[in-house]
Amino acid sequence: MAKKLGVLQIEKLIKQGKKGAYSVGGGLYLSISKGNTVSWLFRYKINGKARWKGLGPYNSANTLKKMTRKAEVCKAMLSDGIDPIEAARDEKADTAGKTLEAQREALLDRMTFKVCALEYIESKKSGWKNKKHAQQWTNTLTTYAFPVIGDMPVNQIDNTHVLAILTPIWTTKTETATRVRTRIELVLSYAAALKYRSGANPALWRGNLDSLLPKPGDLMKVKGGARHHPALPYDDMPSFMAELMDQDGVGAKALRLTILCTTRTIETIAAEWSEFDLDGAMWIIPAIRMKKGKEHRIPLCAEAVEILEELKAVRVGRFVFPSMRKVKGPEQPMSTAAMSSVLKRMKRLDITVHGFRSTFRDWVAERTSFPDRVAEMALAHKLKDGVEAAYQRGDLMDKRKNLMEAWADYCLPKKNNVTRIRA
């Protein structure tokens, strides 16, 4: 049996620096390795095979008395059939697991809705056809969602929070609200795919919000199967246009052109000078800019040409309606809200820019004898009758010229108040 070592003997061995493992007693050993590195070990046998468990370095904190107690703990574990080395490994793995779990919890706490939303936009924007789509996403979420849930961990968002965003605008700004809901749903789906959250998506419509909110279709009047935007009655158009002509600014000119050409907002504000033949009184919008992906020709009435000539005299770039804000990078067209701002200045919050297309369509149907297909082509709508569409190869340009002249005459009546209606 090896002789037990005391404190003085241990210090003497260390001073001598003689390499080896020296029994202290009770399975406790003092190890002196090459380079005079000194540590404590516990020696034991499992299934007849000797094993050595490190107990720590030799220093003032790890005294002989303390190490003796550690060795006794190891012996107690052996008597219970527990391997001290394997137990230490399990404890280390458990601690590591708890550490990783704590780190994940900390990550989830930092993974807010705003962070996820911006990550999602960045991951998708290269595939979006419209370059302004990313900005529109950011703007709507910044306006409506971020103030409520922007700084919330994405794994804590539930129906209550989504409703807090949607309820204030669901009946007053229904179309905007539906876009916001869809965008929140997609961001939360993205977060779930990355394991940032689990459980049902609180922004889902079917089987979820549809039982808590009115259907968008019930809030927006439906006409001809399409959403009906608040529109000006056509009887009020002449007086409205007269008031509009008294408004200053490029936004007012853009709105006048939009009404006279029955275009959509984005078709007007993103118009480029290369699309216009003012001598031939023609505006050709390329397919890439059209909702249906098909080139659209618009015959320009004299008043539309006059507006464009005024703007051309002060042309500053490729856009007919350039942004007035100074921004780095390529030039930008005016904001989509510019024409809506004109309506606000005129205190006409009861109508929308897009609604003027409905005004035009109602006027054609109720006050003229122009065929429906001519009006539908003027609005760049797809013909509903597939057979008719297949045989209708042309765009009825001559009839549409007459229609747009008649519309201009109606919107801007002459002094004798005579309106020419041509069929």
Protein backbone atom coordinates (compact mmCIF):
# COMPACT_ATOMS: atom_id res chain seq x y z
CA MET A 1 0.00 0.00 0.00
CA ALA A 2 1.36 3.38 -0.96
CA LYS A 3 2.36 5.67 1.86
CA LYS A 4 0.02 8.58 2.50
CA LEU A 5 1.37 12.05 1.96
CA GLY A 6 0.94 15.07 4.20
CA VAL A 7 1.10 18.77 3.36
CA LEU A 8 4.84 19.10 4.03
CA GLN A 9 5.65 16.03 1.96
CA ILE A 10 3.51 17.32 -0.92
CA GLU A 11 5.30 20.68 -0.87
CA LYS A 12 8.66 18.89 -0.85
CA LEU A 13 7.69 16.75 -3.88
CA ILE A 14 6.54 19.80 -5.78
CA LYS A 15 9.78 21.61 -5.00
CA GLN A 16 11.79 18.65 -6.25
CA GLY A 17 9.68 18.59 -9.43
CA LYS A 18 10.01 14.85 -9.79
CA LYS A 19 7.55 13.58 -12.43
CA GLY A 20 4.95 11.02 -11.27
CA ALA A 21 1.66 10.33 -9.51
CA TYR A 22 1.83 10.18 -5.72
CA SER A 23 -0.87 8.66 -3.54
CA VAL A 24 -2.23 10.90 -0.85
CA GLY A 25 -4.68 8.23 0.37
CA GLY A 26 -8.29 7.28 -0.22
CA GLY A 27 -7.78 7.21 -4.02
CA LEU A 28 -6.50 10.82 -4.08
CA TYR A 29 -3.25 11.42 -5.98
CA LEU A 30 -0.93 14.33 -6.58
CA SER A 31 0.29 14.40 -10.18
CA ILE A 32 3.48 16.14 -11.23
CA SER A 33 3.88 16.16 -14.99
CA LYS A 34 6.54 17.40 -17.38
CA GLY A 35 7.11 21.10 -16.99
CA ASN A 36 6.32 20.83 -13.24
CA THR A 37 2.53 21.08 -13.83
CA VAL A 38 0.87 19.91 -10.62
CA SER A 39 -2.74 18.71 -10.34
CA TRP A 40 -5.03 16.51 -8.24
CA LEU A 41 -6.35 13.15 -9.49
CA PHE A 42 -8.74 10.49 -8.23
CA ARG A 43 -7.91 6.90 -9.16
CA TYR A 44 -10.55 4.16 -9.24
CA LYS A 45 -11.49 1.00 -11.10
CA ILE A 46 -14.56 0.19 -13.23
CA ASN A 47 -14.94 -3.42 -14.40
CA GLY A 48 -11.35 -4.08 -13.41
CA LYS A 49 -10.03 -1.18 -15.49
CA ALA A 50 -8.25 1.75 -13.78
CA ARG A 51 -9.49 5.26 -14.51
CA TRP A 52 -8.16 8.66 -13.51
CA LYS A 53 -10.45 11.63 -12.88
CA GLY A 54 -8.99 15.10 -12.73
CA LEU A 55 -10.07 17.10 -9.69
CA GLY A 56 -8.34 20.37 -10.50
CA PRO A 57 -4.95 22.10 -10.41
CA TYR A 58 -2.81 22.36 -7.31
CA ASN A 59 -3.18 25.86 -5.90
CA SER A 60 -4.10 27.72 -2.73
CA ALA A 61 -7.82 27.25 -3.42
CA ASN A 62 -7.57 23.49 -3.90
CA THR A 63 -6.20 22.51 -0.52
CA LEU A 64 -5.43 18.95 0.59
CA LYS A 65 -8.48 19.02 2.85
CA LYS A 66 -10.77 20.14 0.00
CA MET A 67 -9.40 17.57 -2.41
CA THR A 68 -9.81 14.83 0.19
CA ARG A 69 -13.53 15.70 0.41
CA LYS A 70 -13.81 15.59 -3.41
CA ALA A 71 -12.24 12.14 -3.42
CA GLU A 72 -14.75 10.99 -0.78
CA VAL A 73 -17.62 12.25 -2.98
CA CYS A 74 -16.23 10.22 -5.87
CA LYS A 75 -16.03 7.10 -3.68
CA ALA A 76 -19.61 7.60 -2.59
CA MET A 77 -20.69 7.78 -6.23
CA LEU A 78 -18.84 4.53 -6.94
CA SER A 79 -20.62 2.81 -4.08
CA ASP A 80 -23.91 3.87 -5.75
CA GLY A 81 -22.77 2.39 -9.07
CA ILE A 82 -22.04 5.76 -10.66
CA ASP A 83 -18.90 6.37 -12.70
CA PRO A 84 -17.54 9.80 -11.55
CA ILE A 85 -16.07 10.61 -14.99
CA GLU A 86 -19.29 9.81 -16.85
CA ALA A 87 -21.30 11.73 -14.27
CA ALA A 88 -19.07 14.78 -14.81
CA ARG A 89 -19.55 14.50 -18.58
CA ASP A 90 -23.32 14.31 -18.18
CA GLU A 91 -23.29 17.31 -15.90
CA LYS A 92 -21.15 19.24 -18.37
CA ALA A 93 -23.47 18.31 -21.24
CA ASP A 94 -26.49 19.32 -19.18
CA THR A 95 -24.87 22.64 -18.33
CA ALA A 96 -23.98 23.18 -21.99
CA GLY A 97 -27.56 22.35 -22.97
CA LYS A 98 -28.88 24.82 -20.46
CA THR A 99 -26.44 27.42 -21.75
CA LEU A 100 -27.52 26.85 -25.35
CA GLU A 101 -31.16 27.04 -24.32
CA ALA A 102 -30.47 30.28 -22.47
CA GLN A 103 -28.70 31.64 -25.53
CA ARG A 104 -31.64 30.66 -27.74
CA GLU A 105 -34.08 32.30 -25.35
CA ALA A 106 -31.98 35.45 -25.45
CA LEU A 107 -31.95 35.31 -29.27
CA LEU A 108 -35.72 34.92 -29.39
CA ASP A 109 -36.13 37.87 -27.05
CA ARG A 110 -34.01 39.97 -29.43
CA MET A 111 -35.78 38.64 -32.55
CA THR A 112 -38.47 41.29 -32.73
CA PHE A 113 -41.21 41.63 -35.34
CA LYS A 114 -39.42 44.62 -36.86
CA VAL A 115 -36.16 42.69 -37.25
CA CYS A 116 -38.02 39.77 -38.86
CA ALA A 117 -40.00 42.09 -41.15
CA LEU A 118 -36.89 43.86 -42.42
CA GLU A 119 -35.13 40.52 -42.91
CA TYR A 120 -38.13 39.21 -44.87
CA ILE A 121 -38.27 42.31 -47.11
CA GLU A 122 -34.54 42.08 -47.79
CA SER A 123 -34.82 38.38 -48.68
CA LYS A 124 -37.71 38.96 -51.11
CA LYS A 125 -37.08 42.32 -52.77
CA SER A 126 -34.75 41.02 -55.48
CA GLY A 127 -37.64 38.92 -56.81
CA TRP A 128 -40.27 41.64 -56.74
CA LYS A 129 -41.08 43.02 -60.19
CA ASN A 130 -41.88 46.51 -58.93
CA LYS A 131 -38.80 48.09 -57.33
CA LYS A 132 -41.03 50.29 -55.17
CA HIS A 133 -42.73 47.23 -53.67
CA ALA A 134 -40.12 46.93 -50.90
CA GLN A 135 -40.61 50.57 -49.96
CA GLN A 136 -44.38 50.12 -49.91
CA TRP A 137 -43.98 47.14 -47.58
CA THR A 138 -41.70 49.12 -45.28
CA ASN A 139 -43.98 52.16 -45.29
CA THR A 140 -47.19 50.28 -44.41
CA LEU A 141 -45.57 48.23 -41.66
CA THR A 142 -43.81 51.31 -40.26
CA THR A 143 -47.09 53.22 -40.20
CA TYR A 144 -49.42 50.58 -38.81
CA ALA A 145 -47.58 47.54 -37.40
CA PHE A 146 -44.27 48.71 -35.92
CA PRO A 147 -45.83 51.16 -33.41
CA VAL A 148 -47.76 48.23 -31.88
CA ILE A 149 -45.55 45.15 -32.29
CA GLY A 150 -42.30 46.39 -33.81
CA ASP A 151 -40.25 45.93 -30.62
CA MET A 152 -42.08 42.81 -29.43
CA PRO A 153 -40.34 39.41 -29.60
CA VAL A 154 -41.91 37.75 -32.59
CA ASN A 155 -42.69 34.61 -30.57
CA GLN A 156 -44.99 36.60 -28.25
CA ILE A 157 -47.34 38.08 -30.86
CA ASP A 158 -50.90 36.79 -30.74
CA ASN A 159 -54.40 37.66 -32.00
CA THR A 160 -54.77 40.47 -29.49
CA HIS A 161 -51.82 42.34 -30.94
CA VAL A 162 -52.86 41.79 -34.56
CA LEU A 163 -56.37 43.03 -33.79
CA ALA A 164 -54.92 46.10 -32.06
CA ILE A 165 -53.30 46.97 -35.40
CA LEU A 166 -56.21 46.14 -37.70
CA THR A 167 -59.32 47.16 -35.79
CA PRO A 168 -58.74 50.96 -35.98
CA ILE A 169 -58.42 50.86 -39.80
CA TRP A 170 -60.46 47.82 -40.81
CA THR A 171 -63.66 49.70 -41.66
CA THR A 172 -62.16 53.08 -42.60
CA LYS A 173 -59.14 51.96 -44.65
CA THR A 174 -60.22 48.48 -45.58
CA GLU A 175 -57.94 47.95 -48.58
CA THR A 176 -54.91 49.22 -46.68
CA ALA A 177 -55.86 47.10 -43.67
CA THR A 178 -56.07 43.93 -45.78
CA ARG A 179 -52.60 44.63 -47.16
CA VAL A 180 -51.25 45.15 -43.65
CA ARG A 181 -52.83 41.91 -42.46
CA THR A 182 -51.37 39.94 -45.38
CA ARG A 183 -47.92 41.39 -44.79
CA ILE A 184 -48.01 40.61 -41.08
CA GLU A 185 -49.09 37.05 -41.91
CA LEU A 186 -46.16 36.58 -44.31
CA VAL A 187 -43.63 37.97 -41.83
CA LEU A 188 -44.90 35.67 -39.07
CA SER A 189 -44.80 32.68 -41.46
CA TYR A 190 -41.19 33.60 -42.26
CA ALA A 191 -40.42 33.73 -38.51
CA ALA A 192 -42.02 30.32 -37.98
CA ALA A 193 -39.99 28.80 -40.84
CA LEU A 194 -36.81 29.99 -39.11
CA LYS A 195 -38.00 28.59 -35.73
CA TYR A 196 -38.30 32.07 -34.21
CA ARG A 197 -41.87 31.28 -33.21
CA SER A 198 -44.25 28.32 -33.08
CA GLY A 199 -47.96 27.74 -33.04
CA ALA A 200 -50.74 29.13 -35.22
CA ASN A 201 -50.23 32.32 -37.20
CA PRO A 202 -52.38 35.00 -35.50
CA ALA A 203 -52.67 37.01 -38.72
CA LEU A 204 -54.30 34.21 -40.71
CA TRP A 205 -57.69 35.17 -42.12
CA ARG A 206 -59.47 31.87 -42.74
CA GLY A 207 -60.42 30.06 -39.58
CA ASN A 208 -59.06 32.86 -37.44
CA LEU A 209 -59.61 36.58 -38.07
CA ASP A 210 -62.60 35.88 -40.32
CA SER A 211 -64.57 35.11 -37.16
CA LEU A 212 -63.46 38.35 -35.49
CA LEU A 213 -63.61 40.96 -38.27
CA PRO A 214 -66.14 41.79 -41.03
CA LYS A 215 -65.26 40.46 -44.45
CA PRO A 216 -63.45 43.10 -46.56
CA GLY A 217 -65.89 42.44 -49.40
CA ASP A 218 -68.81 43.35 -47.17
CA LEU A 219 -67.19 46.66 -46.30
CA MET A 220 -66.29 47.64 -49.86
CA LYS A 221 -69.21 47.89 -52.28
CA VAL A 222 -68.86 45.49 -55.14
CA LYS A 223 -69.64 46.39 -58.70
CA GLY A 224 -69.04 44.11 -61.68
CA GLY A 225 -67.08 41.73 -59.46
CA ALA A 226 -64.43 44.36 -58.67
CA ARG A 227 -63.75 46.43 -55.61
CA HIS A 228 -65.53 49.73 -55.71
CA HIS A 229 -63.45 52.70 -54.60
CA PRO A 230 -65.31 55.78 -53.30
CA ALA A 231 -66.09 57.66 -56.51
CA LEU A 232 -67.39 61.07 -57.53
CA PRO A 233 -70.88 60.98 -59.07
CA TYR A 234 -70.47 61.85 -62.74
CA ASP A 235 -73.00 64.68 -62.43
CA ASP A 236 -70.50 66.47 -60.15
CA MET A 237 -67.53 66.02 -62.49
CA PRO A 238 -67.71 69.38 -64.36
CA SER A 239 -67.84 71.43 -61.15
CA PHE A 240 -65.13 69.29 -59.55
CA MET A 241 -62.84 69.71 -62.56
CA ALA A 242 -63.37 73.47 -62.50
CA GLU A 243 -62.29 73.50 -58.86
CA LEU A 244 -59.34 71.23 -59.61
CA MET A 245 -58.07 73.59 -62.31
CA ASP A 246 -57.74 76.28 -59.64
CA GLN A 247 -55.34 74.07 -57.68
CA ASP A 248 -51.62 74.78 -58.02
CA GLY A 249 -48.83 72.25 -58.20
CA VAL A 250 -47.66 69.27 -60.22
CA GLY A 251 -49.89 66.93 -58.18
CA ALA A 252 -52.99 68.78 -59.41
CA LYS A 253 -51.80 68.48 -63.03
CA ALA A 254 -51.16 64.76 -62.50
CA LEU A 255 -54.70 64.33 -61.18
CA ARG A 256 -56.20 66.20 -64.14
CA LEU A 257 -54.26 64.01 -66.58
CA THR A 258 -55.29 60.87 -64.68
CA ILE A 259 -58.97 61.82 -64.90
CA LEU A 260 -58.83 62.76 -68.59
CA CYS A 261 -56.90 59.59 -69.55
CA THR A 262 -58.72 57.29 -67.05
CA THR A 263 -55.40 55.81 -65.94
CA ARG A 264 -54.43 54.18 -62.67
CA THR A 265 -52.31 56.12 -60.17
CA ILE A 266 -49.11 54.17 -60.79
CA GLU A 267 -49.53 54.47 -64.57
CA THR A 268 -49.61 58.25 -64.27
CA ILE A 269 -46.93 58.98 -61.68
CA ALA A 270 -44.36 56.64 -63.27
CA ALA A 271 -44.98 57.97 -66.81
CA GLU A 272 -41.81 58.73 -68.77
CA TRP A 273 -41.43 61.25 -71.58
CA SER A 274 -40.35 58.48 -73.96
CA GLU A 275 -43.90 57.09 -73.81
CA PHE A 276 -45.51 60.18 -75.34
CA ASP A 277 -46.00 61.34 -78.92
CA LEU A 278 -47.45 64.79 -78.34
CA ASP A 279 -47.58 65.60 -82.06
CA GLY A 280 -49.59 62.45 -82.65
CA ALA A 281 -51.55 62.93 -79.40
CA MET A 282 -50.75 59.42 -78.22
CA TRP A 283 -49.53 57.91 -74.95
CA ILE A 284 -48.16 54.36 -75.19
CA ILE A 285 -47.64 52.68 -71.83
CA PRO A 286 -45.31 49.67 -72.17
CA ALA A 287 -46.52 46.24 -71.08
CA ILE A 288 -44.10 46.09 -68.15
CA ARG A 289 -45.90 49.01 -66.50
CA MET A 290 -49.43 47.73 -67.03
CA LYS A 291 -51.43 45.69 -64.52
CA LYS A 292 -52.37 43.11 -67.18
CA GLY A 293 -48.88 43.02 -68.68
CA LYS A 294 -50.09 44.26 -72.06
CA GLU A 295 -49.12 47.48 -73.88
CA HIS A 296 -51.81 50.15 -73.59
CA ARG A 297 -52.35 52.98 -76.10
CA ILE A 298 -54.22 56.06 -74.94
CA PRO A 299 -55.45 58.73 -77.37
CA LEU A 300 -54.80 62.13 -75.81
CA CYS A 301 -57.46 64.81 -75.87
CA ALA A 302 -56.38 68.40 -76.53
CA GLU A 303 -56.53 69.28 -72.82
CA ALA A 304 -54.24 66.36 -71.92
CA VAL A 305 -51.72 67.45 -74.55
CA GLU A 306 -51.87 70.98 -73.16
CA ILE A 307 -51.04 69.73 -69.64
CA LEU A 308 -48.12 67.72 -70.99
CA GLU A 309 -46.78 70.64 -73.03
CA GLU A 310 -46.76 72.79 -69.88
CA LEU A 311 -44.84 70.12 -68.00
CA LYS A 312 -42.43 69.53 -70.88
CA ALA A 313 -41.44 73.19 -70.80
CA VAL A 314 -39.99 72.67 -67.32
CA ARG A 315 -38.79 69.08 -67.81
CA VAL A 316 -36.03 68.01 -65.39
CA GLY A 317 -35.57 64.30 -66.15
CA ARG A 318 -37.09 61.23 -67.70
CA PHE A 319 -40.21 61.24 -65.51
CA VAL A 320 -43.16 63.45 -66.44
CA PHE A 321 -43.96 63.79 -62.73
CA PRO A 322 -40.59 63.62 -60.94
CA SER A 323 -40.18 63.48 -57.19
CA MET A 324 -39.38 66.86 -55.66
CA ARG A 325 -37.42 65.24 -52.83
CA LYS A 326 -33.65 65.14 -53.10
CA VAL A 327 -32.54 61.53 -52.79
CA LYS A 328 -29.30 59.73 -53.53
CA GLY A 329 -29.27 57.29 -56.41
CA PRO A 330 -31.42 57.21 -59.56
CA GLU A 331 -34.20 59.76 -60.04
CA GLN A 332 -37.61 58.81 -58.71
CA PRO A 333 -41.20 59.61 -59.75
CA MET A 334 -43.54 61.49 -57.45
CA SER A 335 -45.12 59.72 -54.49
CA THR A 336 -48.24 57.59 -54.95
CA ALA A 337 -49.86 59.83 -52.33
CA ALA A 338 -49.32 63.07 -54.27
CA MET A 339 -52.71 63.07 -56.00
CA SER A 340 -54.52 61.93 -52.84
CA SER A 341 -52.97 64.94 -51.13
CA VAL A 342 -54.62 67.19 -53.71
CA LEU A 343 -58.00 65.70 -52.81
CA LYS A 344 -57.27 66.31 -49.13
CA ARG A 345 -56.47 69.97 -49.85
CA MET A 346 -59.78 70.20 -51.66
CA LYS A 347 -61.45 68.63 -48.59
CA ARG A 348 -62.72 65.74 -50.72
CA LEU A 349 -62.03 62.86 -48.35
CA ASP A 350 -65.19 61.16 -49.62
CA ILE A 351 -63.57 60.11 -52.92
CA THR A 352 -60.39 58.44 -54.14
CA VAL A 353 -58.13 58.90 -57.16
CA HIS A 354 -58.91 55.39 -58.38
CA GLY A 355 -62.62 56.13 -58.03
CA PHE A 356 -62.53 58.46 -61.05
CA ARG A 357 -62.26 55.36 -63.23
CA SER A 358 -65.65 54.30 -61.83
CA THR A 359 -67.00 57.80 -62.47
CA PHE A 360 -65.93 57.47 -66.10
CA ARG A 361 -67.43 53.98 -66.43
CA ASP A 362 -70.77 55.05 -64.95
CA TRP A 363 -70.88 58.08 -67.25
CA VAL A 364 -70.24 55.93 -70.35
CA ALA A 365 -72.94 53.44 -69.37
CA GLU A 366 -75.61 55.92 -68.35
CA ARG A 367 -75.01 59.01 -70.47
CA THR A 368 -73.57 57.75 -73.78
CA SER A 369 -74.17 55.10 -76.42
CA PHE A 370 -70.56 53.94 -76.66
CA PRO A 371 -70.29 50.11 -76.51
CA ASP A 372 -69.12 48.55 -73.27
CA ARG A 373 -66.07 47.03 -74.94
CA VAL A 374 -64.85 50.48 -75.97
CA ALA A 375 -65.08 51.74 -72.38
CA GLU A 376 -63.40 48.57 -71.08
CA MET A 377 -60.51 49.02 -73.50
CA ALA A 378 -60.17 52.66 -72.48
CA LEU A 379 -59.77 51.44 -68.89
CA ALA A 380 -57.29 48.70 -69.97
CA HIS A 381 -59.64 46.04 -68.60
CA LYS A 382 -59.52 42.50 -69.87
CA LEU A 383 -62.65 41.60 -71.86
CA LYS A 384 -64.77 39.20 -69.81
CA ASP A 385 -66.11 37.36 -72.86
CA GLY A 386 -63.31 35.00 -73.88
CA VAL A 387 -64.73 34.46 -77.36
CA GLU A 388 -65.09 38.20 -77.95
CA ALA A 389 -61.58 38.79 -76.67
CA ALA A 390 -60.17 36.16 -79.03
CA TYR A 391 -61.69 37.84 -82.09
CA GLN A 392 -61.09 41.43 -80.91
CA ARG A 393 -57.55 41.82 -82.24
CA GLY A 394 -57.48 45.63 -82.45
CA ASP A 395 -57.86 48.24 -79.73
CA LEU A 396 -60.74 50.20 -81.37
CA MET A 397 -58.55 53.29 -81.49
CA ASP A 398 -60.85 55.44 -83.65
CA LYS A 399 -63.85 54.80 -81.40
CA ARG A 400 -61.71 55.36 -78.31
CA LYS A 401 -60.51 58.72 -79.66
CA ASN A 402 -64.10 59.81 -79.97
CA LEU A 403 -64.86 58.48 -76.48
CA MET A 404 -61.95 60.32 -74.84
CA GLU A 405 -62.83 63.58 -76.62
CA ALA A 406 -66.42 63.23 -75.43
CA TRP A 407 -65.21 62.56 -71.88
CA ALA A 408 -62.99 65.66 -71.98
CA ASP A 409 -65.90 67.73 -73.31
CA TYR A 410 -68.04 66.49 -70.43
CA CYS A 411 -65.40 67.10 -67.76
CA LEU A 412 -64.46 70.50 -69.19
CA PRO A 413 -67.65 71.87 -70.84
CA LYS A 414 -67.35 74.78 -73.22
CA LYS A 415 -68.81 78.16 -72.41
CA ASN A 416 -72.00 77.33 -74.24
CA ASN A 417 -72.28 74.27 -72.00
CA VAL A 418 -72.70 71.93 -74.98
CA THR A 419 -71.39 68.41 -74.57
CA ARG A 420 -70.52 66.35 -77.62
CA ILE A 421 -71.45 62.69 -77.22
CA ARG A 422 -70.15 60.53 -80.04
CA ALA A 423 -70.91 56.90 -80.67
